[in-house]
């Protein structure tokens, strides 16, 4: 999970860990790339709006390393980013771009993007 907002970072990490998900949280998207392990993750939760590297840029870099990586982008501005998302990632459904805030129940059940991935 990559979210550079400290409050969201801690809340999302805590919720997922309380629901028994293994979480590797990052505040800085630039730190993800040197640590990234091909095939090691079920899902990448990535915030779109980040300072040092936006979530779309991060995912493009990740896809170069692991073309099978699954992603769900989080944003506070879904309508603003939907056209760019659709242009950059035509293979993904719009369900892979979700609105924040995300309820704890939806987050833990994976209900907010079931068309593109499933958490079991």
N, C-alpha and C. Protein backbone atom coordinates (compact mmCIF):
# COMPACT_ATOMS: atom_id res chain seq x y z
N UNK A 1 0.84 -1.16 0.00
CA UNK A 1 0.00 0.00 0.00
C UNK A 1 0.89 1.23 0.00
N UNK A 2 0.55 2.19 -0.85
CA UNK A 2 1.33 3.41 -0.94
C UNK A 2 0.39 4.60 -0.80
N UNK A 3 0.60 5.37 0.27
CA UNK A 3 -0.20 6.57 0.54
C UNK A 3 0.69 7.54 1.29
N UNK A 4 0.91 8.72 0.72
CA UNK A 4 1.81 9.68 1.37
C UNK A 4 1.12 10.60 2.36
N UNK A 5 -0.18 10.39 2.57
CA UNK A 5 -0.90 11.13 3.61
C UNK A 5 -0.78 10.34 4.91
N UNK A 6 -0.12 10.92 5.89
CA UNK A 6 0.21 10.20 7.12
C UNK A 6 -1.01 9.61 7.82
N UNK A 7 -2.07 10.39 7.91
CA UNK A 7 -3.28 9.91 8.59
C UNK A 7 -3.89 8.71 7.85
N UNK A 8 -4.07 8.84 6.55
CA UNK A 8 -4.62 7.73 5.76
C UNK A 8 -3.71 6.52 5.81
N UNK A 9 -2.42 6.77 5.73
CA UNK A 9 -1.42 5.71 5.77
C UNK A 9 -1.61 4.84 7.01
N UNK A 10 -1.69 5.47 8.18
CA UNK A 10 -1.84 4.71 9.42
C UNK A 10 -3.19 4.04 9.53
N UNK A 11 -4.24 4.72 9.15
CA UNK A 11 -5.58 4.14 9.25
C UNK A 11 -5.74 2.94 8.32
N UNK A 12 -5.35 3.09 7.05
CA UNK A 12 -5.47 1.99 6.10
C UNK A 12 -4.62 0.79 6.52
N UNK A 13 -3.40 1.06 6.95
CA UNK A 13 -2.52 -0.02 7.40
C UNK A 13 -3.13 -0.75 8.59
N UNK A 14 -3.62 0.01 9.56
CA UNK A 14 -4.21 -0.60 10.76
C UNK A 14 -5.43 -1.45 10.41
N UNK A 15 -6.33 -0.93 9.57
CA UNK A 15 -7.54 -1.68 9.21
C UNK A 15 -7.17 -2.98 8.52
N UNK A 16 -6.28 -2.91 7.57
CA UNK A 16 -5.91 -4.12 6.83
C UNK A 16 -5.22 -5.14 7.73
N UNK A 17 -4.35 -4.68 8.59
CA UNK A 17 -3.67 -5.61 9.50
C UNK A 17 -4.63 -6.22 10.51
N UNK A 18 -5.58 -5.43 11.00
CA UNK A 18 -6.59 -5.96 11.92
C UNK A 18 -7.45 -7.03 11.25
N UNK A 19 -7.59 -6.93 9.93
CA UNK A 19 -8.36 -7.92 9.17
C UNK A 19 -7.46 -9.04 8.65
N UNK A 20 -6.26 -9.15 9.22
CA UNK A 20 -5.32 -10.23 8.92
C UNK A 20 -4.74 -10.23 7.51
N UNK A 21 -4.63 -9.06 6.91
CA UNK A 21 -3.92 -8.95 5.64
C UNK A 21 -2.47 -8.61 5.93
N UNK A 22 -1.57 -9.19 5.15
CA UNK A 22 -0.17 -8.80 5.22
C UNK A 22 -0.04 -7.50 4.44
N UNK A 23 0.48 -6.48 5.08
CA UNK A 23 0.58 -5.15 4.46
C UNK A 23 2.03 -4.70 4.50
N UNK A 24 2.48 -4.23 3.35
CA UNK A 24 3.79 -3.59 3.28
C UNK A 24 3.51 -2.13 2.92
N UNK A 25 3.46 -1.27 3.93
CA UNK A 25 3.07 0.11 3.70
C UNK A 25 4.26 1.01 3.35
N UNK A 26 4.01 1.95 2.46
CA UNK A 26 5.00 2.94 2.07
C UNK A 26 4.37 4.33 2.11
N UNK A 27 5.07 5.26 2.73
CA UNK A 27 4.68 6.67 2.70
C UNK A 27 5.23 7.36 1.46
N UNK A 28 6.37 6.92 0.98
CA UNK A 28 7.06 7.54 -0.15
C UNK A 28 7.04 6.59 -1.34
N UNK A 29 6.40 6.97 -2.45
CA UNK A 29 6.33 6.08 -3.60
C UNK A 29 7.69 5.76 -4.21
N UNK A 30 8.63 6.65 -4.07
CA UNK A 30 9.96 6.41 -4.63
C UNK A 30 10.64 5.23 -3.94
N UNK A 31 10.33 5.00 -2.68
CA UNK A 31 10.91 3.88 -1.94
C UNK A 31 10.39 2.52 -2.36
N UNK A 32 9.28 2.49 -3.05
CA UNK A 32 8.69 1.21 -3.47
C UNK A 32 9.56 0.52 -4.51
N UNK A 33 10.05 1.26 -5.47
CA UNK A 33 10.73 0.66 -6.63
C UNK A 33 11.96 -0.16 -6.27
N UNK A 34 12.88 0.34 -5.42
CA UNK A 34 14.03 -0.50 -5.10
C UNK A 34 13.67 -1.75 -4.29
N UNK A 35 12.56 -1.70 -3.55
CA UNK A 35 12.14 -2.83 -2.72
C UNK A 35 11.19 -3.79 -3.44
N UNK A 36 10.70 -3.42 -4.61
CA UNK A 36 9.66 -4.19 -5.28
C UNK A 36 10.15 -5.59 -5.66
N UNK A 37 9.32 -6.59 -5.33
CA UNK A 37 9.63 -7.99 -5.66
C UNK A 37 8.59 -8.51 -6.65
N UNK A 38 9.04 -8.90 -7.80
CA UNK A 38 8.17 -9.41 -8.85
C UNK A 38 7.37 -10.61 -8.34
N UNK A 39 6.03 -10.55 -8.49
CA UNK A 39 5.15 -11.65 -8.14
C UNK A 39 4.87 -11.83 -6.66
N UNK A 40 5.32 -10.91 -5.82
CA UNK A 40 5.20 -11.10 -4.37
C UNK A 40 3.92 -10.53 -3.77
N UNK A 41 3.10 -9.82 -4.54
CA UNK A 41 1.96 -9.09 -3.97
C UNK A 41 0.66 -9.51 -4.63
N UNK A 42 -0.38 -9.64 -3.82
CA UNK A 42 -1.70 -9.94 -4.35
C UNK A 42 -2.35 -8.71 -4.96
N UNK A 43 -2.10 -7.57 -4.36
CA UNK A 43 -2.73 -6.33 -4.80
C UNK A 43 -1.90 -5.14 -4.36
N UNK A 44 -1.81 -4.15 -5.22
CA UNK A 44 -1.16 -2.88 -4.88
C UNK A 44 -2.26 -1.83 -4.69
N UNK A 45 -2.35 -1.25 -3.50
CA UNK A 45 -3.25 -0.13 -3.24
C UNK A 45 -2.39 1.13 -3.32
N UNK A 46 -2.67 1.98 -4.31
CA UNK A 46 -1.81 3.12 -4.57
C UNK A 46 -2.64 4.40 -4.64
N UNK A 47 -2.24 5.38 -3.84
CA UNK A 47 -2.86 6.70 -3.91
C UNK A 47 -2.42 7.38 -5.20
N UNK A 48 -3.33 8.05 -5.88
CA UNK A 48 -2.98 8.74 -7.12
C UNK A 48 -2.19 10.00 -6.85
N UNK A 49 -2.69 10.86 -5.95
CA UNK A 49 -2.08 12.18 -5.73
C UNK A 49 -0.96 12.09 -4.70
N UNK A 50 0.26 11.97 -5.17
CA UNK A 50 1.41 11.98 -4.26
C UNK A 50 2.44 12.97 -4.81
N UNK A 51 3.27 13.50 -3.93
CA UNK A 51 4.16 14.59 -4.29
C UNK A 51 5.35 14.14 -5.13
N UNK A 52 6.11 13.19 -4.65
CA UNK A 52 7.36 12.84 -5.33
C UNK A 52 7.16 12.04 -6.61
N UNK A 53 6.08 11.26 -6.67
CA UNK A 53 5.74 10.48 -7.86
C UNK A 53 4.27 10.15 -7.74
N UNK A 54 3.47 10.48 -8.76
CA UNK A 54 2.05 10.16 -8.63
C UNK A 54 1.83 8.65 -8.81
N UNK A 55 0.67 8.20 -8.38
CA UNK A 55 0.37 6.77 -8.40
C UNK A 55 0.38 6.16 -9.78
N UNK A 56 -0.02 6.93 -10.80
CA UNK A 56 0.00 6.41 -12.16
C UNK A 56 1.43 6.16 -12.62
N UNK A 57 2.34 7.08 -12.32
CA UNK A 57 3.75 6.90 -12.67
C UNK A 57 4.33 5.68 -11.94
N UNK A 58 4.01 5.57 -10.67
CA UNK A 58 4.51 4.44 -9.89
C UNK A 58 4.05 3.12 -10.50
N UNK A 59 2.78 3.03 -10.85
CA UNK A 59 2.25 1.79 -11.40
C UNK A 59 2.88 1.46 -12.75
N UNK A 60 3.12 2.46 -13.58
CA UNK A 60 3.79 2.21 -14.86
C UNK A 60 5.17 1.59 -14.62
N UNK A 61 5.89 2.10 -13.63
CA UNK A 61 7.20 1.54 -13.30
C UNK A 61 7.08 0.12 -12.76
N UNK A 62 6.09 -0.11 -11.92
CA UNK A 62 5.86 -1.45 -11.36
C UNK A 62 5.52 -2.44 -12.48
N UNK A 63 4.68 -2.01 -13.40
CA UNK A 63 4.27 -2.90 -14.50
C UNK A 63 5.45 -3.30 -15.37
N UNK A 64 6.45 -2.46 -15.45
CA UNK A 64 7.66 -2.83 -16.19
C UNK A 64 8.38 -3.98 -15.51
N UNK A 65 8.29 -4.05 -14.20
CA UNK A 65 8.93 -5.11 -13.43
C UNK A 65 8.05 -6.36 -13.32
N UNK A 66 6.73 -6.17 -13.26
CA UNK A 66 5.80 -7.28 -13.05
C UNK A 66 4.52 -7.01 -13.83
N UNK A 67 4.43 -7.56 -15.02
CA UNK A 67 3.27 -7.26 -15.88
C UNK A 67 1.97 -7.86 -15.34
N UNK A 68 2.05 -8.74 -14.35
CA UNK A 68 0.85 -9.34 -13.77
C UNK A 68 0.38 -8.65 -12.49
N UNK A 69 1.05 -7.58 -12.10
CA UNK A 69 0.69 -6.88 -10.86
C UNK A 69 -0.74 -6.34 -10.96
N UNK A 70 -1.50 -6.57 -9.90
CA UNK A 70 -2.88 -6.05 -9.81
C UNK A 70 -2.86 -4.78 -8.99
N UNK A 71 -3.72 -3.84 -9.37
CA UNK A 71 -3.69 -2.53 -8.72
C UNK A 71 -5.10 -2.04 -8.44
N UNK A 72 -5.18 -1.25 -7.39
CA UNK A 72 -6.37 -0.45 -7.13
C UNK A 72 -5.86 0.93 -6.74
N UNK A 73 -6.23 1.93 -7.53
CA UNK A 73 -5.84 3.30 -7.25
C UNK A 73 -6.87 3.95 -6.33
N UNK A 74 -6.39 4.74 -5.39
CA UNK A 74 -7.26 5.48 -4.48
C UNK A 74 -7.11 6.97 -4.76
N UNK A 75 -8.20 7.70 -4.70
CA UNK A 75 -8.13 9.14 -4.92
C UNK A 75 -9.28 9.85 -4.24
N UNK A 76 -9.04 11.08 -3.89
CA UNK A 76 -10.11 11.94 -3.38
C UNK A 76 -10.83 12.64 -4.53
N UNK A 77 -10.32 12.49 -5.74
CA UNK A 77 -10.81 13.23 -6.90
C UNK A 77 -11.04 12.30 -8.09
N UNK A 78 -11.86 11.31 -7.91
CA UNK A 78 -12.07 10.29 -8.94
C UNK A 78 -12.48 10.89 -10.28
N UNK A 79 -13.44 11.78 -10.29
CA UNK A 79 -13.91 12.34 -11.56
C UNK A 79 -12.81 13.11 -12.29
N UNK A 80 -11.95 13.77 -11.54
CA UNK A 80 -10.84 14.52 -12.15
C UNK A 80 -9.85 13.58 -12.82
N UNK A 81 -9.57 12.43 -12.19
CA UNK A 81 -8.54 11.53 -12.70
C UNK A 81 -9.06 10.43 -13.62
N UNK A 82 -10.35 10.25 -13.70
CA UNK A 82 -10.90 9.15 -14.51
C UNK A 82 -10.49 9.23 -15.98
N UNK A 83 -10.53 10.39 -16.65
CA UNK A 83 -10.10 10.42 -18.05
C UNK A 83 -8.63 10.02 -18.24
N UNK A 84 -7.75 10.53 -17.40
CA UNK A 84 -6.33 10.18 -17.49
C UNK A 84 -6.12 8.70 -17.21
N UNK A 85 -6.80 8.19 -16.18
CA UNK A 85 -6.74 6.77 -15.82
C UNK A 85 -7.16 5.91 -17.02
N UNK A 86 -8.28 6.24 -17.65
CA UNK A 86 -8.79 5.46 -18.78
C UNK A 86 -7.84 5.50 -19.96
N UNK A 87 -7.21 6.64 -20.18
CA UNK A 87 -6.26 6.78 -21.29
C UNK A 87 -4.99 5.98 -21.03
N UNK A 88 -4.47 6.06 -19.81
CA UNK A 88 -3.22 5.39 -19.48
C UNK A 88 -3.35 3.89 -19.31
N UNK A 89 -4.50 3.44 -18.81
CA UNK A 89 -4.69 2.03 -18.47
C UNK A 89 -5.99 1.48 -19.06
N UNK A 90 -6.09 1.42 -20.38
CA UNK A 90 -7.34 0.95 -21.00
C UNK A 90 -7.69 -0.50 -20.64
N UNK A 91 -6.70 -1.26 -20.18
CA UNK A 91 -6.94 -2.66 -19.81
C UNK A 91 -7.63 -2.80 -18.45
N UNK A 92 -7.66 -1.72 -17.66
CA UNK A 92 -8.27 -1.75 -16.32
C UNK A 92 -9.68 -1.19 -16.37
N UNK A 93 -10.56 -1.73 -15.54
CA UNK A 93 -11.91 -1.18 -15.45
C UNK A 93 -11.89 0.04 -14.53
N UNK A 94 -12.90 0.87 -14.66
CA UNK A 94 -12.97 2.07 -13.82
C UNK A 94 -13.13 1.73 -12.34
N UNK A 95 -13.49 0.48 -12.02
CA UNK A 95 -13.56 0.05 -10.62
C UNK A 95 -12.20 0.02 -9.96
N UNK A 96 -11.14 0.09 -10.75
CA UNK A 96 -9.78 0.10 -10.20
C UNK A 96 -9.36 1.49 -9.75
N UNK A 97 -10.23 2.46 -9.91
CA UNK A 97 -9.99 3.83 -9.42
C UNK A 97 -11.10 4.16 -8.44
N UNK A 98 -10.79 4.14 -7.15
CA UNK A 98 -11.82 4.27 -6.13
C UNK A 98 -11.70 5.57 -5.35
N UNK A 99 -12.83 6.00 -4.85
CA UNK A 99 -12.91 7.21 -4.04
C UNK A 99 -12.42 6.96 -2.62
N UNK A 100 -11.68 7.91 -2.11
CA UNK A 100 -11.39 7.97 -0.68
C UNK A 100 -12.35 8.99 -0.09
N UNK A 101 -12.79 8.89 1.08
CA UNK A 101 -12.45 7.83 2.02
C UNK A 101 -13.16 6.53 1.68
N UNK A 102 -12.56 5.45 2.11
CA UNK A 102 -13.08 4.10 1.91
C UNK A 102 -13.47 3.57 3.28
N UNK A 103 -14.67 3.03 3.39
CA UNK A 103 -15.08 2.50 4.69
C UNK A 103 -14.25 1.28 5.05
N UNK A 104 -14.11 1.04 6.34
CA UNK A 104 -13.35 -0.11 6.82
C UNK A 104 -13.94 -1.42 6.29
N UNK A 105 -15.26 -1.51 6.27
CA UNK A 105 -15.91 -2.74 5.78
C UNK A 105 -15.63 -2.95 4.31
N UNK A 106 -15.77 -1.90 3.49
CA UNK A 106 -15.51 -2.05 2.07
C UNK A 106 -14.04 -2.37 1.81
N UNK A 107 -13.16 -1.74 2.55
CA UNK A 107 -11.74 -1.99 2.38
C UNK A 107 -11.40 -3.44 2.72
N UNK A 108 -11.90 -3.93 3.83
CA UNK A 108 -11.54 -5.27 4.26
C UNK A 108 -12.19 -6.35 3.41
N UNK A 109 -13.33 -6.05 2.81
CA UNK A 109 -14.00 -7.04 1.96
C UNK A 109 -13.60 -6.92 0.50
N UNK A 110 -12.94 -5.83 0.13
CA UNK A 110 -12.57 -5.64 -1.27
C UNK A 110 -13.76 -5.28 -2.13
N UNK A 111 -14.84 -4.78 -1.54
CA UNK A 111 -16.06 -4.50 -2.28
C UNK A 111 -15.97 -3.29 -3.21
N UNK A 112 -14.97 -2.46 -3.04
CA UNK A 112 -14.94 -1.24 -3.82
C UNK A 112 -14.32 -1.41 -5.19
N UNK A 113 -13.78 -2.55 -5.52
CA UNK A 113 -13.20 -2.74 -6.86
C UNK A 113 -13.27 -4.21 -7.27
N UNK A 114 -14.39 -4.84 -7.05
CA UNK A 114 -14.48 -6.28 -7.28
C UNK A 114 -14.40 -6.65 -8.75
N UNK A 115 -14.66 -5.72 -9.64
CA UNK A 115 -14.60 -6.07 -11.06
C UNK A 115 -13.18 -6.32 -11.53
N UNK A 116 -12.20 -5.75 -10.86
CA UNK A 116 -10.83 -5.88 -11.35
C UNK A 116 -9.94 -6.77 -10.48
N UNK A 117 -10.35 -7.08 -9.26
CA UNK A 117 -9.56 -7.93 -8.39
C UNK A 117 -10.42 -8.47 -7.26
N UNK A 118 -9.91 -9.47 -6.62
CA UNK A 118 -10.59 -10.05 -5.45
C UNK A 118 -9.58 -10.29 -4.35
N UNK A 119 -9.90 -9.89 -3.16
CA UNK A 119 -9.09 -10.26 -1.99
C UNK A 119 -9.83 -11.38 -1.30
N UNK A 120 -9.16 -12.48 -1.02
CA UNK A 120 -9.85 -13.61 -0.38
C UNK A 120 -9.51 -13.67 1.08
